[in-house]
Amino acid sequence: MEELDFTGRTVLVVGGSSGIGNGIAQAFRARGAAVHVWGTRPRAEDYAAAEGSDLAGLHYARLDVADAAAIDRYVPPFARLDVLVLAQGIVLYQRGEFKAEGFRRVVEVNLNSLMSCSARFHDMLAAAKGALIIVSSTAAFHATRGNPAYNAAKTGALGLTRTLGQAWAGDGIRVNGIAPGLVATKLTTVTTERPERLAAALQRIPLGRLGTPADMAGAALFLASPLAAYIVGQTIVVDGGLVL
């Protein structure tokens, strides 16, 4: 489909080294885009396929998005940016987010860095009349008993998507978001690798299966394409019906 051909376009996926972000990055690459990804490990080779990572054909850079100054200092190796996907995220278990240090760390990565990255690339996106896609979570629509920071940050991401969508539409930037449901990644192994928890989770999903990074990529491709030219400030829930 011509509308989903990204040949000649440049895409940056923050958090594109693994999981949902990696699936999105590879989907854009498969459709002709030059795709850059950020991760936290020194080299692309430090990511293993067993972790759900495929860095083939992607341009990798190491950057800790919890360091706002590092984002500001970043000098991109590309002169044009058509699509920015913000898929970074961490989660702490065993009540780590109830401690001040853990709470702040998760919010810094999952929320504050979204604004830092958005602001850093605003001018490039405006020049290209590009798209910004923020990956939040269905956690924004319900409580998550053990993860207050994750929940607060993902809820904040929905609000940021709405607000930047309104604020930057006049600059030619379309801002939208994706709210994934339960996707099998390294962040969700606490559920997916425990048969009882997994069975209980699947019972709550009308489609009866976990989501995949490819499922999320389909929504990202749509939102970045001309097919979504009149969609601004919206977050598409991609969850197999989980929150119904």
C-alpha atoms as a PDB file:
ATOM      1  CA  MET A   1       0.000   0.000   0.000  1.00  0.00           C
ATOM      2  CA  GLU A   2       1.464   3.317  -1.110  1.00  0.00           C
ATOM      3  CA  GLU A   3       0.353   5.123   2.056  1.00  0.00           C
ATOM      4  CA  LEU A   4       2.469   2.747   4.146  1.00  0.00           C
ATOM      5  CA  ASP A   5       5.616   3.130   2.051  1.00  0.00           C
ATOM      6  CA  PHE A   6       8.207   5.029   4.092  1.00  0.00           C
ATOM      7  CA  THR A   7      10.980   4.950   1.499  1.00  0.00           C
ATOM      8  CA  GLY A   8      13.128   8.049   1.839  1.00  0.00           C
ATOM      9  CA  ARG A   9      11.838   8.791   5.345  1.00  0.00           C
ATOM     10  CA  THR A  10      13.907   8.879   8.512  1.00  0.00           C
ATOM     11  CA  VAL A  11      12.547   7.396  11.736  1.00  0.00           C
ATOM     12  CA  LEU A  12      13.937   7.476  15.271  1.00  0.00           C
ATOM     13  CA  VAL A  13      12.584   4.968  17.780  1.00  0.00           C
ATOM     14  CA  VAL A  14      13.666   5.719  21.335  1.00  0.00           C
ATOM     15  CA  GLY A  15      13.627   2.394  23.158  1.00  0.00           C
ATOM     16  CA  GLY A  16      13.873   0.657  19.790  1.00  0.00           C
ATOM     17  CA  SER A  17      16.486  -1.836  20.889  1.00  0.00           C
ATOM     18  CA  SER A  18      14.030  -4.374  22.288  1.00  0.00           C
ATOM     19  CA  GLY A  19      10.388  -5.235  22.889  1.00  0.00           C
ATOM     20  CA  ILE A  20       7.614  -3.081  21.462  1.00  0.00           C
ATOM     21  CA  GLY A  21      10.010  -0.387  20.275  1.00  0.00           C
ATOM     22  CA  ASN A  22      12.102  -2.916  18.375  1.00  0.00           C
ATOM     23  CA  GLY A  23       9.034  -4.341  16.667  1.00  0.00           C
ATOM     24  CA  ILE A  24       8.014  -0.849  15.596  1.00  0.00           C
ATOM     25  CA  ALA A  25      11.523  -0.027  14.375  1.00  0.00           C
ATOM     26  CA  GLN A  26      11.738  -3.152  12.224  1.00  0.00           C
ATOM     27  CA  ALA A  27       8.283  -2.508  10.772  1.00  0.00           C
ATOM     28  CA  PHE A  28       9.347   0.924   9.540  1.00  0.00           C
ATOM     29  CA  ARG A  29      12.607  -0.508   8.185  1.00  0.00           C
ATOM     30  CA  ALA A  30      10.705  -3.190   6.283  1.00  0.00           C
ATOM     31  CA  ARG A  31       8.732  -0.438   4.590  1.00  0.00           C
ATOM     32  CA  GLY A  32      11.742   1.451   3.353  1.00  0.00           C
ATOM     33  CA  ALA A  33      12.601   3.886   6.135  1.00  0.00           C
ATOM     34  CA  ALA A  34      16.076   4.613   7.449  1.00  0.00           C
ATOM     35  CA  VAL A  35      15.569   3.739  11.107  1.00  0.00           C
ATOM     36  CA  HIS A  36      17.638   4.879  14.065  1.00  0.00           C
ATOM     37  CA  VAL A  37      17.154   3.424  17.539  1.00  0.00           C
ATOM     38  CA  TRP A  38      18.322   4.350  21.018  1.00  0.00           C
ATOM     39  CA  GLY A  39      19.109   1.838  23.736  1.00  0.00           C
ATOM     40  CA  THR A  40      21.046   1.657  26.986  1.00  0.00           C
ATOM     41  CA  ARG A  41      23.726  -0.934  26.211  1.00  0.00           C
ATOM     42  CA  PRO A  42      27.128  -0.026  24.769  1.00  0.00           C
ATOM     43  CA  ARG A  43      26.677  -1.780  21.414  1.00  0.00           C
ATOM     44  CA  ALA A  44      23.924  -3.222  19.264  1.00  0.00           C
ATOM     45  CA  GLU A  45      25.662  -6.593  19.590  1.00  0.00           C
ATOM     46  CA  ASP A  46      24.901  -6.552  23.322  1.00  0.00           C
ATOM     47  CA  TYR A  47      21.240  -7.239  22.602  1.00  0.00           C
ATOM     48  CA  ALA A  48      20.238 -10.855  22.113  1.00  0.00           C
ATOM     49  CA  ALA A  49      17.493 -12.282  19.927  1.00  0.00           C
ATOM     50  CA  ALA A  50      16.365 -14.316  22.935  1.00  0.00           C
ATOM     51  CA  GLU A  51      15.374 -11.023  24.573  1.00  0.00           C
ATOM     52  CA  GLY A  52      13.198 -10.099  21.631  1.00  0.00           C
ATOM     53  CA  SER A  53      15.786  -7.878  19.973  1.00  0.00           C
ATOM     54  CA  ASP A  54      16.545  -7.617  16.274  1.00  0.00           C
ATOM     55  CA  LEU A  55      18.950  -4.788  15.455  1.00  0.00           C
ATOM     56  CA  ALA A  56      19.632  -5.911  11.877  1.00  0.00           C
ATOM     57  CA  GLY A  57      19.478  -2.964   9.488  1.00  0.00           C
ATOM     58  CA  LEU A  58      18.964  -0.422  12.262  1.00  0.00           C
ATOM     59  CA  HIS A  59      21.296   2.429  13.211  1.00  0.00           C
ATOM     60  CA  TYR A  60      22.023   2.077  16.927  1.00  0.00           C
ATOM     61  CA  ALA A  61      23.088   4.679  19.477  1.00  0.00           C
ATOM     62  CA  ARG A  62      23.490   4.392  23.233  1.00  0.00           C
ATOM     63  CA  LEU A  63      21.707   7.035  25.276  1.00  0.00           C
ATOM     64  CA  ASP A  64      20.232   7.034  28.778  1.00  0.00           C
ATOM     65  CA  VAL A  65      16.978   8.972  28.478  1.00  0.00           C
ATOM     66  CA  ALA A  66      16.939   9.487  32.252  1.00  0.00           C
ATOM     67  CA  ASP A  67      19.743  11.996  31.587  1.00  0.00           C
ATOM     68  CA  ALA A  68      17.966  15.055  30.161  1.00  0.00           C
ATOM     69  CA  ALA A  69      21.274  16.805  29.552  1.00  0.00           C
ATOM     70  CA  ALA A  70      22.449  13.897  27.384  1.00  0.00           C
ATOM     71  CA  ILE A  71      19.322  14.230  25.255  1.00  0.00           C
ATOM     72  CA  ASP A  72      19.981  17.945  24.805  1.00  0.00           C
ATOM     73  CA  ARG A  73      23.600  17.271  23.836  1.00  0.00           C
ATOM     74  CA  TYR A  74      22.765  14.561  21.315  1.00  0.00           C
ATOM     75  CA  VAL A  75      23.914  15.384  17.787  1.00  0.00           C
ATOM     76  CA  PRO A  76      21.838  13.355  15.324  1.00  0.00           C
ATOM     77  CA  PRO A  77      23.583  11.639  12.416  1.00  0.00           C
ATOM     78  CA  PHE A  78      20.587  12.486  10.219  1.00  0.00           C
ATOM     79  CA  ALA A  79      19.601  15.857   8.744  1.00  0.00           C
ATOM     80  CA  ARG A  80      15.883  15.125   8.556  1.00  0.00           C
ATOM     81  CA  LEU A  81      13.436  13.410  10.896  1.00  0.00           C
ATOM     82  CA  ASP A  82       9.999  12.358   9.692  1.00  0.00           C
ATOM     83  CA  VAL A  83       8.807  10.141  12.539  1.00  0.00           C
ATOM     84  CA  LEU A  84       9.748  10.060  16.212  1.00  0.00           C
ATOM     85  CA  VAL A  85       8.482   7.101  18.253  1.00  0.00           C
ATOM     86  CA  LEU A  86       8.917   7.278  22.018  1.00  0.00           C
ATOM     87  CA  ALA A  87       8.792   3.697  23.277  1.00  0.00           C
ATOM     88  CA  GLN A  88      11.144   3.891  26.246  1.00  0.00           C
ATOM     89  CA  GLY A  89      10.024   2.373  29.510  1.00  0.00           C
ATOM     90  CA  ILE A  90      11.036   0.614  32.695  1.00  0.00           C
ATOM     91  CA  VAL A  91       9.149  -0.999  35.564  1.00  0.00           C
ATOM     92  CA  LEU A  92      10.214  -1.993  39.083  1.00  0.00           C
ATOM     93  CA  TYR A  93       8.686  -4.935  40.882  1.00  0.00           C
ATOM     94  CA  GLN A  94       8.723  -6.117  44.520  1.00  0.00           C
ATOM     95  CA  ARG A  95       7.290  -2.746  45.605  1.00  0.00           C
ATOM     96  CA  GLY A  96      10.354  -0.888  44.379  1.00  0.00           C
ATOM     97  CA  GLU A  97       8.174   1.914  43.053  1.00  0.00           C
ATOM     98  CA  PHE A  98       6.806   2.639  46.522  1.00  0.00           C
ATOM     99  CA  LYS A  99      10.241   3.920  47.504  1.00  0.00           C
ATOM    100  CA  ALA A 100      11.071   7.503  46.584  1.00  0.00           C
ATOM    101  CA  GLU A 101      14.185   6.614  44.594  1.00  0.00           C
ATOM    102  CA  GLY A 102      12.404   3.940  42.572  1.00  0.00           C
ATOM    103  CA  PHE A 103       9.371   6.130  41.965  1.00  0.00           C
ATOM    104  CA  ARG A 104      11.492   8.990  40.674  1.00  0.00           C
ATOM    105  CA  ARG A 105      13.577   6.738  38.430  1.00  0.00           C
ATOM    106  CA  VAL A 106      10.523   5.235  36.730  1.00  0.00           C
ATOM    107  CA  VAL A 107       8.832   8.609  36.249  1.00  0.00           C
ATOM    108  CA  GLU A 108      12.060  10.083  34.869  1.00  0.00           C
ATOM    109  CA  VAL A 109      12.295   7.405  32.181  1.00  0.00           C
ATOM    110  CA  ASN A 110       8.615   6.782  31.477  1.00  0.00           C
ATOM    111  CA  LEU A 111       7.319  10.360  31.544  1.00  0.00           C
ATOM    112  CA  ASN A 112       9.880  13.134  31.913  1.00  0.00           C
ATOM    113  CA  SER A 113      12.057  11.791  29.110  1.00  0.00           C
ATOM    114  CA  LEU A 114       9.079  11.874  26.759  1.00  0.00           C
ATOM    115  CA  MET A 115       9.020  15.648  26.997  1.00  0.00           C
ATOM    116  CA  SER A 116      12.800  15.919  26.794  1.00  0.00           C
ATOM    117  CA  CYS A 117      12.894  13.879  23.592  1.00  0.00           C
ATOM    118  CA  SER A 118       9.889  15.646  22.104  1.00  0.00           C
ATOM    119  CA  ALA A 119      11.386  19.074  22.737  1.00  0.00           C
ATOM    120  CA  ARG A 120      14.797  18.011  21.386  1.00  0.00           C
ATOM    121  CA  PHE A 121      13.334  17.002  18.020  1.00  0.00           C
ATOM    122  CA  HIS A 122      10.474  19.490  17.736  1.00  0.00           C
ATOM    123  CA  ASP A 123      12.189  21.638  15.125  1.00  0.00           C
ATOM    124  CA  MET A 124      13.217  18.703  12.944  1.00  0.00           C
ATOM    125  CA  LEU A 125       9.706  17.248  13.036  1.00  0.00           C
ATOM    126  CA  ALA A 126       8.200  20.637  12.240  1.00  0.00           C
ATOM    127  CA  ALA A 127      10.518  21.080   9.265  1.00  0.00           C
ATOM    128  CA  ALA A 128       9.473  17.666   7.906  1.00  0.00           C
ATOM    129  CA  LYS A 129       5.786  18.058   8.820  1.00  0.00           C
ATOM    130  CA  GLY A 130       6.323  14.833  10.665  1.00  0.00           C
ATOM    131  CA  ALA A 131       4.677  12.597  13.239  1.00  0.00           C
ATOM    132  CA  LEU A 132       5.367  12.014  16.922  1.00  0.00           C
ATOM    133  CA  ILE A 133       4.054   8.776  18.446  1.00  0.00           C
ATOM    134  CA  ILE A 134       4.068   8.263  22.210  1.00  0.00           C
ATOM    135  CA  VAL A 135       3.754   4.705  23.535  1.00  0.00           C
ATOM    136  CA  SER A 136       1.860   4.651  26.826  1.00  0.00           C
ATOM    137  CA  SER A 137      -0.074   1.674  28.219  1.00  0.00           C
ATOM    138  CA  THR A 138      -3.535   0.426  29.077  1.00  0.00           C
ATOM    139  CA  ALA A 139      -2.302   0.850  32.666  1.00  0.00           C
ATOM    140  CA  ALA A 140      -3.372   4.458  32.170  1.00  0.00           C
ATOM    141  CA  PHE A 141      -6.998   3.277  32.285  1.00  0.00           C
ATOM    142  CA  HIS A 142      -6.937   1.179  35.455  1.00  0.00           C
ATOM    143  CA  ALA A 143      -5.036   0.710  38.701  1.00  0.00           C
ATOM    144  CA  THR A 144      -1.837  -1.336  38.864  1.00  0.00           C
ATOM    145  CA  ARG A 145      -1.551  -2.270  42.503  1.00  0.00           C
ATOM    146  CA  GLY A 146       2.187  -2.872  42.693  1.00  0.00           C
ATOM    147  CA  ASN A 147       3.412  -0.159  40.332  1.00  0.00           C
ATOM    148  CA  PRO A 148       2.345   3.372  41.267  1.00  0.00           C
ATOM    149  CA  ALA A 149       5.139   5.100  39.345  1.00  0.00           C
ATOM    150  CA  TYR A 150       4.543   3.119  36.166  1.00  0.00           C
ATOM    151  CA  ASN A 151       0.836   3.867  36.354  1.00  0.00           C
ATOM    152  CA  ALA A 152       1.280   7.564  37.079  1.00  0.00           C
ATOM    153  CA  ALA A 153       3.800   7.942  34.254  1.00  0.00           C
ATOM    154  CA  LYS A 154       1.706   6.115  31.675  1.00  0.00           C
ATOM    155  CA  THR A 155      -1.357   8.116  32.687  1.00  0.00           C
ATOM    156  CA  GLY A 156       0.727  11.246  32.283  1.00  0.00           C
ATOM    157  CA  ALA A 157       1.803  10.092  28.830  1.00  0.00           C
ATOM    158  CA  LEU A 158      -1.830  10.135  27.695  1.00  0.00           C
ATOM    159  CA  GLY A 159      -2.204  13.711  28.877  1.00  0.00           C
ATOM    160  CA  LEU A 160       1.059  14.718  27.248  1.00  0.00           C
ATOM    161  CA  THR A 161      -0.096  13.204  23.957  1.00  0.00           C
ATOM    162  CA  ARG A 162      -3.310  15.235  24.030  1.00  0.00           C
ATOM    163  CA  THR A 163      -1.575  18.443  25.005  1.00  0.00           C
ATOM    164  CA  LEU A 164       1.311  18.245  22.545  1.00  0.00           C
ATOM    165  CA  GLY A 165      -1.173  17.236  19.863  1.00  0.00           C
ATOM    166  CA  GLN A 166      -3.051  20.460  20.428  1.00  0.00           C
ATOM    167  CA  ALA A 167       0.026  22.620  20.952  1.00  0.00           C
ATOM    168  CA  TRP A 168       2.057  21.425  17.961  1.00  0.00           C
ATOM    169  CA  ALA A 169      -0.584  20.812  15.292  1.00  0.00           C
ATOM    170  CA  GLY A 170      -0.072  24.368  14.088  1.00  0.00           C
ATOM    171  CA  ASP A 171       3.619  23.592  13.639  1.00  0.00           C
ATOM    172  CA  GLY A 172       2.756  20.776  11.255  1.00  0.00           C
ATOM    173  CA  ILE A 173       3.518  17.982  13.746  1.00  0.00           C
ATOM    174  CA  ARG A 174       0.873  15.328  14.316  1.00  0.00           C
ATOM    175  CA  VAL A 175       1.163  13.904  17.826  1.00  0.00           C
ATOM    176  CA  ASN A 176      -0.663  10.687  18.674  1.00  0.00           C
ATOM    177  CA  GLY A 177      -0.150   7.669  20.884  1.00  0.00           C
ATOM    178  CA  ILE A 178      -0.523   3.931  21.328  1.00  0.00           C
ATOM    179  CA  ALA A 179      -1.646   2.234  24.537  1.00  0.00           C
ATOM    180  CA  PRO A 180      -0.506  -1.405  24.409  1.00  0.00           C
ATOM    181  CA  GLY A 181      -2.177  -4.061  26.492  1.00  0.00           C
ATOM    182  CA  LEU A 182      -0.338  -7.151  27.714  1.00  0.00           C
ATOM    183  CA  VAL A 183       2.518  -7.759  25.285  1.00  0.00           C
ATOM    184  CA  ALA A 184       5.120 -10.495  25.719  1.00  0.00           C
ATOM    185  CA  THR A 185       8.355  -8.553  26.343  1.00  0.00           C
ATOM    186  CA  LYS A 186      11.099  -8.640  28.952  1.00  0.00           C
ATOM    187  CA  LEU A 187       9.089  -6.145  31.038  1.00  0.00           C
ATOM    188  CA  THR A 188       6.126  -8.518  31.356  1.00  0.00           C
ATOM    189  CA  THR A 189       7.914 -11.780  32.204  1.00  0.00           C
ATOM    190  CA  VAL A 190       6.604 -11.493  35.766  1.00  0.00           C
ATOM    191  CA  THR A 191       3.266 -12.484  34.198  1.00  0.00           C
ATOM    192  CA  THR A 192       4.118 -14.321  30.998  1.00  0.00           C
ATOM    193  CA  GLU A 193       6.550 -16.763  32.625  1.00  0.00           C
ATOM    194  CA  ARG A 194       4.186 -17.740  35.438  1.00  0.00           C
ATOM    195  CA  PRO A 195       1.515 -20.131  34.109  1.00  0.00           C
ATOM    196  CA  GLU A 196      -1.165 -19.248  36.671  1.00  0.00           C
ATOM    197  CA  ARG A 197      -0.751 -15.507  36.174  1.00  0.00           C
ATOM    198  CA  LEU A 198      -0.670 -15.904  32.414  1.00  0.00           C
ATOM    199  CA  ALA A 199      -3.835 -18.006  32.366  1.00  0.00           C
ATOM    200  CA  ALA A 200      -5.644 -15.438  34.509  1.00  0.00           C
ATOM    201  CA  ALA A 201      -4.473 -12.619  32.264  1.00  0.00           C
ATOM    202  CA  LEU A 202      -5.587 -14.375  29.092  1.00  0.00           C
ATOM    203  CA  GLN A 203      -9.057 -14.871  30.543  1.00  0.00           C
ATOM    204  CA  ARG A 204      -9.422 -11.087  30.681  1.00  0.00           C
ATOM    205  CA  ILE A 205      -8.471 -10.592  27.021  1.00  0.00           C
ATOM    206  CA  PRO A 206     -11.407 -11.163  24.630  1.00  0.00           C
ATOM    207  CA  LEU A 207      -9.094 -12.176  21.780  1.00  0.00           C
ATOM    208  CA  GLY A 208      -7.595 -14.807  24.096  1.00  0.00           C
ATOM    209  CA  ARG A 209      -3.936 -14.125  23.341  1.00  0.00           C
ATOM    210  CA  LEU A 210      -1.083 -11.838  24.265  1.00  0.00           C
ATOM    211  CA  GLY A 211      -0.255  -8.898  22.068  1.00  0.00           C
ATOM    212  CA  THR A 212       2.927  -8.855  20.021  1.00  0.00           C
ATOM    213  CA  PRO A 213       5.321  -6.059  19.071  1.00  0.00           C
ATOM    214  CA  ALA A 214       4.052  -6.520  15.505  1.00  0.00           C
ATOM    215  CA  ASP A 215       0.520  -5.725  16.678  1.00  0.00           C
ATOM    216  CA  MET A 216       1.769  -2.439  18.104  1.00  0.00           C
ATOM    217  CA  ALA A 217       3.781  -1.721  14.970  1.00  0.00           C
ATOM    218  CA  GLY A 218       0.647  -1.839  12.842  1.00  0.00           C
ATOM    219  CA  ALA A 219      -0.865   1.003  14.837  1.00  0.00           C
ATOM    220  CA  ALA A 220       2.378   2.998  14.676  1.00  0.00           C
ATOM    221  CA  LEU A 221       2.619   2.646  10.899  1.00  0.00           C
ATOM    222  CA  PHE A 222      -0.967   3.818  10.557  1.00  0.00           C
ATOM    223  CA  LEU A 223      -0.495   6.846  12.809  1.00  0.00           C
ATOM    224  CA  ALA A 224       2.664   7.907  10.968  1.00  0.00           C
ATOM    225  CA  SER A 225       1.062   7.528   7.546  1.00  0.00           C
ATOM    226  CA  PRO A 226      -1.174   9.766   5.410  1.00  0.00           C
ATOM    227  CA  LEU A 227      -4.038   7.445   6.365  1.00  0.00           C
ATOM    228  CA  ALA A 228      -4.047   9.219   9.750  1.00  0.00           C
ATOM    229  CA  ALA A 229      -3.625  12.737   8.352  1.00  0.00           C
ATOM    230  CA  TYR A 230      -6.626  14.110  10.287  1.00  0.00           C
ATOM    231  CA  ILE A 231      -5.936  12.370  13.601  1.00  0.00           C
ATOM    232  CA  VAL A 232      -4.343  14.517  16.311  1.00  0.00           C
ATOM    233  CA  GLY A 233      -3.859  14.045  20.050  1.00  0.00           C
ATOM    234  CA  GLN A 234      -5.418  10.589  20.175  1.00  0.00           C
ATOM    235  CA  THR A 235      -4.166   7.425  21.833  1.00  0.00           C
ATOM    236  CA  ILE A 236      -5.196   4.167  20.164  1.00  0.00           C
ATOM    237  CA  VAL A 237      -5.732   1.296  22.583  1.00  0.00           C
ATOM    238  CA  VAL A 238      -4.168  -1.884  21.149  1.00  0.00           C
ATOM    239  CA  ASP A 239      -5.016  -4.550  23.709  1.00  0.00           C
ATOM    240  CA  GLY A 240      -7.158  -7.316  22.221  1.00  0.00           C
ATOM    241  CA  GLY A 241     -10.107  -5.919  24.180  1.00  0.00           C
ATOM    242  CA  LEU A 242      -8.469  -6.061  27.629  1.00  0.00           C
ATOM    243  CA  VAL A 243      -9.933  -2.820  28.967  1.00  0.00           C
ATOM    244  CA  LEU A 244     -13.443  -3.338  27.633  1.00  0.00           C
END
